N, C-alpha and C. Protein backbone atom coordinates (compact mmCIF):
# COMPACT_ATOMS: atom_id res chain seq x y z
N MET A 1 13.67 -111.30 156.92
CA MET A 1 13.29 -110.46 156.75
C MET A 1 13.58 -108.71 155.66
N ARG A 2 12.71 -108.24 156.73
CA ARG A 2 12.69 -106.65 155.18
C ARG A 2 14.23 -105.70 155.55
N ARG A 3 15.81 -105.75 155.53
CA ARG A 3 16.38 -105.43 155.34
C ARG A 3 17.00 -104.95 153.71
N ALA A 4 17.60 -104.39 153.93
CA ALA A 4 18.38 -103.00 152.72
C ALA A 4 20.03 -102.45 153.62
N LYS A 5 21.03 -102.60 152.12
CA LYS A 5 22.31 -101.93 152.21
C LYS A 5 22.36 -101.56 151.08
N ILE A 6 22.63 -100.02 151.27
CA ILE A 6 23.14 -99.36 149.88
C ILE A 6 23.77 -98.48 150.58
N ALA A 7 25.17 -98.12 149.41
CA ALA A 7 26.13 -97.56 149.61
C ALA A 7 25.69 -96.54 148.39
N ARG A 8 26.35 -95.52 148.58
CA ARG A 8 25.83 -94.61 147.32
C ARG A 8 27.59 -93.15 147.87
N LYS A 9 27.94 -93.00 146.09
CA LYS A 9 29.15 -92.02 146.53
C LYS A 9 29.51 -91.44 145.85
N THR A 10 29.68 -90.00 146.22
CA THR A 10 29.58 -89.20 144.43
C THR A 10 31.51 -88.13 145.07
N ALA A 11 30.79 -87.31 144.77
CA ALA A 11 32.50 -86.45 144.71
C ALA A 11 32.35 -85.72 145.73
N GLU A 12 31.24 -85.46 147.09
CA GLU A 12 31.09 -84.41 148.02
C GLU A 12 30.76 -85.32 149.20
N THR A 13 30.35 -86.76 149.31
CA THR A 13 30.22 -87.37 150.42
C THR A 13 29.96 -89.10 149.94
N ASP A 14 30.83 -90.16 151.05
CA ASP A 14 30.93 -91.48 150.85
C ASP A 14 30.00 -92.06 152.26
N ILE A 15 29.15 -92.99 151.02
CA ILE A 15 27.76 -93.13 152.41
C ILE A 15 27.32 -94.58 152.46
N SER A 16 26.98 -95.31 153.79
CA SER A 16 26.60 -96.57 153.63
C SER A 16 25.88 -96.61 154.59
N VAL A 17 24.38 -96.76 153.88
CA VAL A 17 22.92 -97.29 155.06
C VAL A 17 22.46 -98.58 155.08
N GLU A 18 22.31 -99.18 156.51
CA GLU A 18 21.94 -100.34 156.03
C GLU A 18 20.93 -100.52 157.26
N ILE A 19 19.81 -101.30 157.39
CA ILE A 19 18.91 -101.15 157.81
C ILE A 19 17.55 -101.59 158.49
N ASN A 20 17.29 -102.38 159.43
CA ASN A 20 16.41 -103.86 159.63
C ASN A 20 15.10 -103.30 159.74
N LEU A 21 14.17 -103.25 159.44
CA LEU A 21 12.44 -102.87 159.46
C LEU A 21 12.20 -102.88 160.31
N ASP A 22 12.41 -104.26 161.15
CA ASP A 22 11.91 -105.87 161.34
C ASP A 22 12.44 -105.52 163.13
N GLY A 23 13.25 -104.50 163.11
CA GLY A 23 14.66 -104.76 164.50
C GLY A 23 14.24 -103.89 165.61
N THR A 24 14.89 -103.46 166.61
CA THR A 24 14.12 -102.99 167.98
C THR A 24 14.81 -101.85 168.47
N GLY A 25 15.39 -100.67 167.70
CA GLY A 25 15.80 -99.46 167.83
C GLY A 25 17.56 -99.27 167.78
N VAL A 26 17.91 -99.89 166.98
CA VAL A 26 19.40 -100.49 167.91
C VAL A 26 20.00 -100.07 166.36
N TYR A 27 20.74 -98.86 166.71
CA TYR A 27 21.46 -97.71 165.93
C TYR A 27 22.86 -97.70 166.38
N ASP A 28 23.62 -96.67 165.39
CA ASP A 28 24.83 -97.25 164.96
C ASP A 28 25.50 -96.12 163.67
N ASN A 29 24.89 -94.25 164.55
CA ASN A 29 25.11 -93.67 163.18
C ASN A 29 26.25 -91.94 163.57
N HIS A 30 27.26 -92.17 162.26
CA HIS A 30 28.58 -91.79 162.03
C HIS A 30 28.57 -90.74 160.80
N THR A 31 28.16 -90.21 160.80
CA THR A 31 28.00 -88.84 160.15
C THR A 31 29.55 -87.84 159.98
N GLY A 32 29.56 -87.39 161.25
CA GLY A 32 30.47 -86.24 160.65
C GLY A 32 29.73 -85.34 161.58
N VAL A 33 28.66 -84.72 161.41
CA VAL A 33 27.75 -83.59 161.82
C VAL A 33 26.91 -84.22 163.50
N GLY A 34 27.57 -83.82 164.20
CA GLY A 34 27.28 -84.67 165.94
C GLY A 34 25.13 -83.95 166.29
N PHE A 35 24.92 -83.00 165.99
CA PHE A 35 23.43 -82.75 166.03
C PHE A 35 22.43 -83.65 165.05
N PHE A 36 23.50 -84.18 163.39
CA PHE A 36 22.24 -84.79 162.95
C PHE A 36 22.31 -86.37 163.41
N ASP A 37 23.55 -86.50 163.83
CA ASP A 37 24.08 -88.11 164.74
C ASP A 37 22.58 -88.41 165.60
N HIS A 38 22.34 -87.13 166.79
CA HIS A 38 21.92 -87.53 167.17
C HIS A 38 20.24 -87.39 166.27
N MET A 39 19.98 -87.45 166.32
CA MET A 39 18.75 -87.17 165.22
C MET A 39 17.78 -88.13 164.48
N LEU A 40 19.51 -88.80 163.69
CA LEU A 40 19.25 -90.64 162.91
C LEU A 40 18.90 -91.63 164.59
N ASP A 41 19.46 -90.99 165.38
CA ASP A 41 19.17 -91.92 166.59
C ASP A 41 18.13 -91.85 166.82
N GLN A 42 17.31 -90.25 167.21
CA GLN A 42 16.07 -90.32 167.00
C GLN A 42 15.36 -91.15 166.97
N LEU A 43 15.59 -90.78 165.21
CA LEU A 43 14.62 -91.79 164.10
C LEU A 43 14.53 -93.22 164.54
N ALA A 44 16.18 -94.29 164.13
CA ALA A 44 16.18 -95.52 164.73
C ALA A 44 15.52 -96.28 165.88
N ARG A 45 15.42 -95.55 166.94
CA ARG A 45 15.35 -95.67 168.05
C ARG A 45 13.74 -95.48 168.41
N HIS A 46 12.94 -94.40 167.81
CA HIS A 46 11.16 -94.59 167.80
C HIS A 46 10.48 -95.28 166.74
N ALA A 47 11.60 -95.31 165.51
CA ALA A 47 10.44 -96.25 164.47
C ALA A 47 10.60 -97.33 164.63
N LEU A 48 11.59 -97.92 165.55
CA LEU A 48 12.49 -99.58 165.88
C LEU A 48 13.23 -100.10 164.62
N ILE A 49 13.30 -98.79 164.44
CA ILE A 49 13.97 -99.96 163.07
C ILE A 49 16.31 -99.80 163.74
N ASP A 50 16.03 -100.78 163.47
CA ASP A 50 17.65 -101.09 163.16
C ASP A 50 18.44 -100.52 162.17
N MET A 51 19.27 -99.52 162.66
CA MET A 51 20.34 -98.99 161.73
C MET A 51 21.56 -98.24 161.98
N THR A 52 22.10 -99.06 161.17
CA THR A 52 23.83 -97.98 161.33
C THR A 52 23.99 -97.45 159.62
N VAL A 53 24.57 -95.77 160.38
CA VAL A 53 24.73 -94.76 158.93
C VAL A 53 26.06 -94.52 159.38
N ARG A 54 26.74 -94.62 158.08
CA ARG A 54 28.16 -94.28 157.90
C ARG A 54 28.45 -92.58 156.42
N CYS A 55 29.13 -91.82 157.24
CA CYS A 55 29.07 -91.20 155.70
C CYS A 55 30.67 -90.16 156.39
N ALA A 56 31.44 -89.71 155.26
CA ALA A 56 32.28 -88.81 154.91
C ALA A 56 31.94 -88.18 154.31
N GLY A 57 31.78 -87.25 154.50
CA GLY A 57 31.33 -85.74 153.68
C GLY A 57 32.37 -84.50 153.61
N ASP A 58 31.93 -83.87 152.93
CA ASP A 58 32.99 -82.30 153.18
C ASP A 58 32.32 -81.51 153.25
N THR A 59 32.10 -82.14 155.24
CA THR A 59 31.73 -80.93 156.09
C THR A 59 32.50 -80.20 156.13
N HIS A 60 34.12 -79.63 155.22
CA HIS A 60 34.80 -78.21 155.81
C HIS A 60 34.59 -77.52 154.99
N ILE A 61 33.58 -78.18 153.86
CA ILE A 61 32.67 -77.04 153.85
C ILE A 61 30.94 -75.98 154.03
N ASP A 62 30.43 -77.31 154.26
CA ASP A 62 29.41 -77.32 155.20
C ASP A 62 28.74 -78.65 155.33
N ASP A 63 27.44 -78.67 156.31
CA ASP A 63 27.15 -80.20 156.23
C ASP A 63 25.67 -80.42 155.60
N HIS A 64 25.38 -79.56 154.39
CA HIS A 64 24.55 -79.34 153.85
C HIS A 64 24.44 -80.96 152.41
N HIS A 65 25.31 -80.97 152.02
CA HIS A 65 25.44 -81.99 151.44
C HIS A 65 25.51 -83.56 152.32
N THR A 66 26.19 -83.91 153.74
CA THR A 66 26.20 -85.01 153.67
C THR A 66 24.73 -85.24 154.77
N VAL A 67 24.26 -83.78 154.84
CA VAL A 67 22.45 -84.17 155.88
C VAL A 67 21.89 -84.69 154.54
N GLU A 68 21.97 -84.38 153.43
CA GLU A 68 21.13 -83.95 152.00
C GLU A 68 21.26 -86.03 151.65
N ASP A 69 22.55 -86.20 151.27
CA ASP A 69 22.76 -87.55 150.68
C ASP A 69 22.56 -88.48 151.79
N VAL A 70 22.47 -88.44 153.00
CA VAL A 70 22.06 -89.27 153.62
C VAL A 70 20.90 -89.06 153.77
N GLY A 71 20.28 -89.03 153.78
CA GLY A 71 18.10 -88.79 153.28
C GLY A 71 18.04 -88.94 152.51
N ILE A 72 19.07 -88.59 150.84
CA ILE A 72 19.09 -89.20 149.97
C ILE A 72 18.55 -91.11 150.22
N THR A 73 20.45 -91.53 150.59
CA THR A 73 20.12 -93.32 151.05
C THR A 73 19.61 -93.93 151.93
N LEU A 74 19.08 -93.28 152.96
CA LEU A 74 17.89 -94.24 153.47
C LEU A 74 16.91 -94.31 153.31
N GLY A 75 16.18 -92.92 152.73
CA GLY A 75 14.81 -93.35 151.10
C GLY A 75 15.04 -94.29 150.54
N GLN A 76 16.14 -94.03 149.74
CA GLN A 76 16.79 -95.72 149.16
C GLN A 76 16.88 -97.05 149.91
N ALA A 77 16.96 -97.05 151.08
CA ALA A 77 17.48 -98.31 151.18
C ALA A 77 15.74 -98.23 152.56
N LEU A 78 14.31 -97.62 152.57
CA LEU A 78 13.30 -97.94 153.38
C LEU A 78 13.03 -98.40 151.98
N ARG A 79 13.07 -97.73 151.05
CA ARG A 79 12.17 -97.87 149.59
C ARG A 79 12.65 -99.49 149.49
N GLU A 80 13.95 -99.60 149.17
CA GLU A 80 14.39 -101.53 148.86
C GLU A 80 14.21 -102.72 150.27
N ALA A 81 14.26 -101.96 151.70
CA ALA A 81 13.50 -102.66 152.07
C ALA A 81 12.43 -103.35 152.79
N LEU A 82 11.18 -102.45 152.16
CA LEU A 82 9.52 -102.36 152.08
C LEU A 82 9.53 -103.16 150.84
N ASP A 83 10.29 -103.88 149.92
CA ASP A 83 10.11 -104.28 147.97
C ASP A 83 8.83 -104.43 147.87
N ASP A 84 7.59 -105.06 147.74
CA ASP A 84 6.53 -104.76 146.25
C ASP A 84 5.16 -104.09 147.79
N LYS A 85 5.77 -103.67 149.24
CA LYS A 85 5.04 -103.30 150.32
C LYS A 85 3.94 -104.08 150.76
N ARG A 86 4.08 -105.54 150.44
CA ARG A 86 2.46 -106.83 150.82
C ARG A 86 2.74 -107.28 152.21
N GLY A 87 1.55 -106.37 152.68
CA GLY A 87 1.39 -106.81 155.02
C GLY A 87 1.46 -105.78 154.75
N ILE A 88 2.09 -104.59 154.59
CA ILE A 88 2.21 -103.60 155.35
C ILE A 88 1.13 -102.45 155.44
N ARG A 89 0.80 -101.65 156.46
CA ARG A 89 0.12 -100.94 156.49
C ARG A 89 0.00 -99.62 155.99
N ARG A 90 0.66 -98.93 155.72
CA ARG A 90 0.98 -98.19 154.68
C ARG A 90 0.92 -97.04 155.00
N TYR A 91 0.14 -96.26 155.40
CA TYR A 91 -0.46 -95.29 157.11
C TYR A 91 0.61 -95.77 157.85
N GLY A 92 0.91 -93.98 158.79
CA GLY A 92 1.26 -93.49 160.36
C GLY A 92 1.36 -92.30 160.34
N ALA A 93 1.05 -91.62 161.63
CA ALA A 93 0.34 -91.05 162.09
C ALA A 93 1.05 -90.60 163.44
N CYS A 94 1.43 -89.49 164.11
CA CYS A 94 2.27 -89.45 165.34
C CYS A 94 2.23 -87.37 165.91
N LEU A 95 1.34 -87.78 166.98
CA LEU A 95 1.46 -86.16 167.78
C LEU A 95 2.12 -85.66 168.86
N LEU A 96 3.19 -85.67 168.57
CA LEU A 96 4.32 -85.86 169.70
C LEU A 96 4.74 -85.15 170.43
N PRO A 97 4.47 -84.34 171.67
CA PRO A 97 4.74 -83.29 172.62
C PRO A 97 6.47 -83.93 173.15
N MET A 98 7.31 -82.70 172.95
CA MET A 98 8.25 -82.77 173.55
C MET A 98 8.75 -81.41 174.05
N ASP A 99 8.16 -80.92 175.35
CA ASP A 99 8.09 -80.51 176.20
C ASP A 99 7.99 -79.01 175.55
N ASP A 100 7.77 -77.56 175.23
CA ASP A 100 7.13 -76.56 174.62
C ASP A 100 7.15 -76.85 173.25
N ALA A 101 7.50 -77.78 172.17
CA ALA A 101 7.21 -78.57 170.94
C ALA A 101 6.12 -79.65 170.62
N LEU A 102 5.31 -79.48 170.10
CA LEU A 102 4.18 -80.22 169.97
C LEU A 102 4.45 -80.40 168.13
N VAL A 103 4.43 -80.96 167.39
CA VAL A 103 5.00 -81.64 166.14
C VAL A 103 3.54 -83.25 166.21
N ARG A 104 3.06 -82.18 164.32
CA ARG A 104 2.46 -83.94 164.39
C ARG A 104 2.82 -83.91 162.76
N ALA A 105 2.88 -85.73 162.37
CA ALA A 105 3.88 -86.13 161.47
C ALA A 105 2.44 -87.35 161.18
N ALA A 106 2.26 -86.45 159.59
CA ALA A 106 1.21 -87.62 159.02
C ALA A 106 1.94 -88.28 156.72
N LEU A 107 2.04 -89.51 157.38
CA LEU A 107 2.41 -89.98 155.68
C LEU A 107 2.31 -91.57 155.57
N ASP A 108 2.07 -91.86 154.50
CA ASP A 108 2.27 -92.40 153.35
C ASP A 108 2.62 -93.19 152.65
N LEU A 109 3.10 -94.04 152.30
CA LEU A 109 4.42 -95.44 152.07
C LEU A 109 3.61 -95.39 150.28
N SER A 110 3.19 -94.50 149.52
CA SER A 110 2.63 -94.73 148.72
C SER A 110 3.12 -94.30 147.34
N GLY A 111 4.75 -94.75 147.48
CA GLY A 111 5.28 -94.42 146.12
C GLY A 111 5.29 -93.52 145.40
N ARG A 112 4.48 -92.59 145.76
CA ARG A 112 4.37 -91.22 145.09
C ARG A 112 4.94 -89.64 146.38
N PRO A 113 6.25 -89.49 146.01
CA PRO A 113 6.21 -88.38 147.37
C PRO A 113 6.35 -87.05 146.81
N TYR A 114 6.38 -86.39 148.02
CA TYR A 114 5.65 -84.75 148.59
C TYR A 114 5.57 -84.62 149.95
N LEU A 115 5.68 -83.77 150.26
CA LEU A 115 6.51 -83.38 151.29
C LEU A 115 5.49 -82.06 151.71
N VAL A 116 5.05 -81.87 152.54
CA VAL A 116 4.42 -80.55 152.82
C VAL A 116 4.65 -80.16 154.19
N TRP A 117 5.55 -79.39 154.09
CA TRP A 117 6.42 -78.58 155.97
C TRP A 117 5.81 -77.73 156.21
N HIS A 118 5.31 -77.33 157.15
CA HIS A 118 4.58 -76.71 158.01
C HIS A 118 5.71 -76.31 158.96
N VAL A 119 7.22 -76.40 159.28
CA VAL A 119 7.54 -75.89 160.00
C VAL A 119 8.69 -75.40 160.60
N GLU A 120 8.29 -73.76 161.77
CA GLU A 120 9.20 -73.30 161.32
C GLU A 120 10.49 -73.17 162.99
N MET A 121 11.95 -73.02 162.92
CA MET A 121 12.38 -72.59 163.80
C MET A 121 13.04 -71.72 163.87
N PRO A 122 13.12 -71.21 165.05
CA PRO A 122 13.46 -69.96 166.11
C PRO A 122 15.05 -69.31 166.18
N THR A 123 15.64 -70.02 165.56
CA THR A 123 16.67 -69.95 165.52
C THR A 123 17.04 -70.49 164.01
N PRO A 124 18.37 -70.24 163.31
CA PRO A 124 19.04 -70.09 162.34
C PRO A 124 20.16 -71.10 162.48
N LYS A 125 20.58 -71.77 163.84
CA LYS A 125 21.29 -72.90 164.12
C LYS A 125 20.91 -73.58 165.27
N ILE A 126 21.42 -74.43 165.42
CA ILE A 126 21.47 -75.27 166.94
C ILE A 126 23.20 -75.63 167.28
N GLY A 127 23.67 -74.76 167.92
CA GLY A 127 25.20 -75.47 167.83
C GLY A 127 25.51 -74.85 166.23
N THR A 128 26.27 -75.79 166.15
CA THR A 128 26.84 -75.17 164.55
C THR A 128 25.87 -75.98 163.43
N PHE A 129 24.38 -76.57 163.38
CA PHE A 129 23.69 -77.21 162.82
C PHE A 129 22.85 -76.23 162.25
N ASP A 130 22.82 -75.96 160.82
CA ASP A 130 21.92 -75.12 159.72
C ASP A 130 20.31 -76.17 160.01
N THR A 131 19.23 -75.05 161.05
CA THR A 131 18.17 -75.68 160.85
C THR A 131 17.40 -76.14 160.08
N GLU A 132 18.11 -74.87 159.33
CA GLU A 132 17.32 -75.19 157.30
C GLU A 132 17.63 -76.85 157.23
N LEU A 133 18.46 -77.54 157.35
CA LEU A 133 18.93 -78.39 157.14
C LEU A 133 17.70 -79.13 157.36
N VAL A 134 17.02 -79.45 158.49
CA VAL A 134 16.46 -80.47 159.11
C VAL A 134 15.18 -80.86 157.58
N ARG A 135 14.95 -79.64 156.72
CA ARG A 135 14.18 -79.96 156.04
C ARG A 135 14.98 -80.35 154.19
N GLU A 136 15.23 -80.25 154.63
CA GLU A 136 16.42 -80.45 153.75
C GLU A 136 16.50 -82.17 153.75
N PHE A 137 16.68 -82.59 155.52
CA PHE A 137 17.45 -84.38 155.72
C PHE A 137 15.03 -85.04 154.91
N PHE A 138 14.38 -84.11 155.69
CA PHE A 138 13.15 -84.29 155.18
C PHE A 138 12.60 -84.27 153.30
N GLN A 139 13.52 -83.66 152.55
CA GLN A 139 12.69 -83.61 151.04
C GLN A 139 13.48 -85.12 150.73
N ALA A 140 14.44 -85.16 151.10
CA ALA A 140 15.48 -86.31 150.01
C ALA A 140 14.95 -87.13 150.49
N PHE A 141 14.86 -87.28 151.99
CA PHE A 141 14.46 -89.25 152.40
C PHE A 141 12.92 -89.35 151.88
N SER A 142 12.18 -87.91 152.37
CA SER A 142 10.59 -88.78 151.35
C SER A 142 10.37 -88.83 149.86
N THR A 143 11.85 -88.08 149.18
CA THR A 143 11.84 -88.37 147.38
C THR A 143 11.76 -89.60 147.30
N HIS A 144 13.13 -90.38 147.89
CA HIS A 144 13.89 -90.88 147.84
C HIS A 144 13.75 -92.35 147.89
N GLY A 145 12.60 -92.68 149.07
CA GLY A 145 11.59 -93.20 149.71
C GLY A 145 10.41 -93.71 149.63
N GLY A 146 10.03 -92.44 148.37
CA GLY A 146 8.30 -92.66 148.20
C GLY A 146 7.65 -92.22 149.03
N ILE A 147 8.28 -91.21 149.63
CA ILE A 147 6.72 -91.48 151.05
C ILE A 147 6.01 -90.45 150.92
N THR A 148 4.44 -89.86 150.88
CA THR A 148 3.87 -88.17 151.48
C THR A 148 4.45 -88.64 152.58
N LEU A 149 4.61 -87.01 152.93
CA LEU A 149 5.34 -86.61 153.78
C LEU A 149 4.83 -85.41 154.89
N HIS A 150 3.60 -85.11 155.44
CA HIS A 150 3.07 -83.97 156.05
C HIS A 150 3.74 -83.19 157.26
N VAL A 151 4.12 -82.65 157.84
CA VAL A 151 5.29 -82.33 158.58
C VAL A 151 4.30 -80.29 159.02
N ASP A 152 4.03 -81.43 160.96
CA ASP A 152 3.40 -79.77 161.05
C ASP A 152 4.03 -79.09 162.29
N ALA A 153 4.56 -78.18 162.63
CA ALA A 153 5.21 -78.08 163.97
C ALA A 153 4.31 -77.06 164.70
N LEU A 154 3.16 -77.64 165.97
CA LEU A 154 1.68 -76.89 166.25
C LEU A 154 2.62 -75.70 167.53
N HIS A 155 3.15 -75.41 168.13
CA HIS A 155 4.33 -74.93 169.07
C HIS A 155 5.63 -75.23 169.12
N GLY A 156 5.62 -74.53 169.43
CA GLY A 156 7.68 -74.63 170.25
C GLY A 156 8.45 -73.91 170.14
N ILE A 157 9.11 -73.02 171.23
CA ILE A 157 10.21 -72.11 171.43
C ILE A 157 11.60 -72.04 171.82
N ASN A 158 11.81 -73.86 170.76
CA ASN A 158 13.34 -73.97 171.68
C ASN A 158 13.33 -74.67 170.15
N SER A 159 14.41 -74.52 169.41
CA SER A 159 14.66 -74.96 168.35
C SER A 159 14.95 -76.27 168.20
N HIS A 160 15.97 -76.61 169.49
CA HIS A 160 16.01 -77.97 169.78
C HIS A 160 15.32 -78.85 169.26
N HIS A 161 14.17 -78.38 170.38
CA HIS A 161 13.26 -79.18 171.06
C HIS A 161 12.31 -79.65 169.49
N ILE A 162 11.79 -78.49 168.69
CA ILE A 162 11.51 -78.75 167.82
C ILE A 162 11.69 -79.05 166.68
N ALA A 163 13.02 -79.34 166.51
CA ALA A 163 13.67 -80.69 165.60
C ALA A 163 13.97 -81.85 166.14
N GLU A 164 13.87 -81.53 167.18
CA GLU A 164 13.89 -83.22 167.71
C GLU A 164 12.44 -84.31 168.02
N ALA A 165 11.31 -83.13 168.42
CA ALA A 165 10.48 -83.13 168.17
C ALA A 165 9.61 -83.94 166.56
N THR A 166 10.00 -83.22 166.02
CA THR A 166 10.13 -83.61 164.31
C THR A 166 10.59 -85.21 163.88
N PHE A 167 12.33 -85.33 164.11
CA PHE A 167 12.39 -85.94 164.50
C PHE A 167 11.69 -87.73 164.86
N LYS A 168 11.89 -87.53 165.47
CA LYS A 168 10.10 -88.55 166.50
C LYS A 168 8.74 -88.77 166.34
N ALA A 169 8.70 -87.98 165.27
CA ALA A 169 6.72 -87.71 165.50
C ALA A 169 7.73 -88.95 163.94
N VAL A 170 8.26 -88.38 163.60
CA VAL A 170 8.64 -88.79 162.25
C VAL A 170 8.24 -90.26 161.75
N ALA A 171 9.40 -90.89 162.99
CA ALA A 171 9.47 -91.93 163.45
C ALA A 171 8.78 -92.86 163.22
N ARG A 172 7.60 -92.84 164.79
CA ARG A 172 6.18 -92.69 165.42
C ARG A 172 5.73 -92.90 164.08
N ALA A 173 5.20 -91.96 162.58
CA ALA A 173 4.48 -92.74 161.85
C ALA A 173 5.12 -93.86 161.39
N LEU A 174 6.39 -93.54 161.10
CA LEU A 174 6.86 -94.54 159.66
C LEU A 174 6.57 -95.95 160.35
N ARG A 175 7.18 -95.92 161.94
CA ARG A 175 6.98 -97.67 162.87
C ARG A 175 4.86 -97.39 162.48
N GLU A 176 4.72 -96.92 162.65
CA GLU A 176 3.01 -97.39 162.40
C GLU A 176 2.90 -98.18 160.96
N ALA A 177 3.25 -97.24 159.89
CA ALA A 177 3.34 -97.80 158.69
C ALA A 177 4.03 -98.76 158.11
N VAL A 178 5.30 -99.18 158.68
CA VAL A 178 6.24 -100.68 157.93
C VAL A 178 5.41 -102.01 158.87
N GLU A 179 5.18 -101.42 159.93
CA GLU A 179 3.62 -102.89 160.76
C GLU A 179 3.11 -103.25 160.06
N ALA A 180 3.24 -104.73 159.77
CA ALA A 180 2.51 -105.25 159.34
C ALA A 180 0.98 -105.52 159.85
N GLU A 181 0.16 -105.70 158.85
CA GLU A 181 -1.68 -105.55 158.49
C GLU A 181 -2.05 -107.08 159.17
N PRO A 182 -2.08 -107.42 160.17
CA PRO A 182 -2.37 -108.43 160.62
C PRO A 182 -3.98 -108.98 160.01
N ARG A 183 -4.27 -108.78 159.60
CA ARG A 183 -5.52 -109.07 159.03
C ARG A 183 -5.87 -109.17 157.13
N ARG A 184 -4.37 -108.42 156.69
CA ARG A 184 -4.32 -109.01 155.43
C ARG A 184 -3.33 -108.83 154.86
N SER A 185 -2.28 -109.71 155.59
CA SER A 185 -0.97 -110.04 155.41
C SER A 185 -0.39 -110.29 154.25
N ASP A 186 -1.55 -111.17 153.80
CA ASP A 186 -0.96 -111.12 152.31
C ASP A 186 -1.11 -110.20 150.64
N ALA A 187 -1.56 -108.94 151.28
CA ALA A 187 -1.73 -108.06 149.90
C ALA A 187 -1.59 -106.65 150.24
N VAL A 188 -0.60 -106.22 148.89
CA VAL A 188 -0.35 -105.39 148.88
C VAL A 188 -1.80 -104.32 149.54
N PRO A 189 -1.27 -102.92 149.90
CA PRO A 189 -2.86 -102.04 151.24
C PRO A 189 -3.05 -100.85 149.45
N SER A 190 -3.55 -101.68 148.56
CA SER A 190 -4.02 -100.81 147.64
C SER A 190 -5.14 -101.46 146.70
N THR A 191 -6.42 -100.66 146.26
CA THR A 191 -7.33 -101.13 145.44
C THR A 191 -6.63 -101.20 144.42
N LYS A 192 -5.55 -100.64 143.33
CA LYS A 192 -4.47 -101.17 142.75
C LYS A 192 -3.80 -102.20 142.47
N GLY A 193 -3.56 -102.71 143.37
CA GLY A 193 -2.77 -104.24 143.94
C GLY A 193 -1.12 -103.87 143.49
N THR A 194 -1.13 -102.29 143.57
CA THR A 194 0.61 -102.33 143.74
C THR A 194 1.19 -100.92 144.39
N LEU A 195 2.38 -100.61 144.79
CA LEU A 195 2.60 -98.94 145.48
C LEU A 195 3.56 -99.07 144.60
């Protein structure tokens, strides 16, 4: 099975991440940042990736290090679980509505990290959570996961809905990209022969 367990400890955070790409979306995420846990739950559930995240971070300062470092560690776990990427679809995309919000996500598990981000949040906070941290998470996740990721919020007036639609759209695109390609289960999906 395609699994990975990664631990990362710095002066700012102490993180463990465990994922199973062939799961059913079972999650158990505790980072000390309630809204972020809710978003990680959405990512796991809609990508159908079993995910356990633990983080002890310097949230007495703010949530930045926790969110960014979980993105780093989760990206590293994804990369490890994919191994040489043999037999995957590689690409995924989703157009996801959530009430007033409509978010488009498209990604390529190319090994070449790149984030294109066109998501405007109407408010600087969702509860106590800084909305700018949504981008920080996806920047870290795409960089360390080797993902080309494009995210566009096409509509939205509620920051919670926009953020949640973003996580769900990326999750659905990721689910598609990591799925097995039944017609070429023995091949790396690249004319170069490697990703």
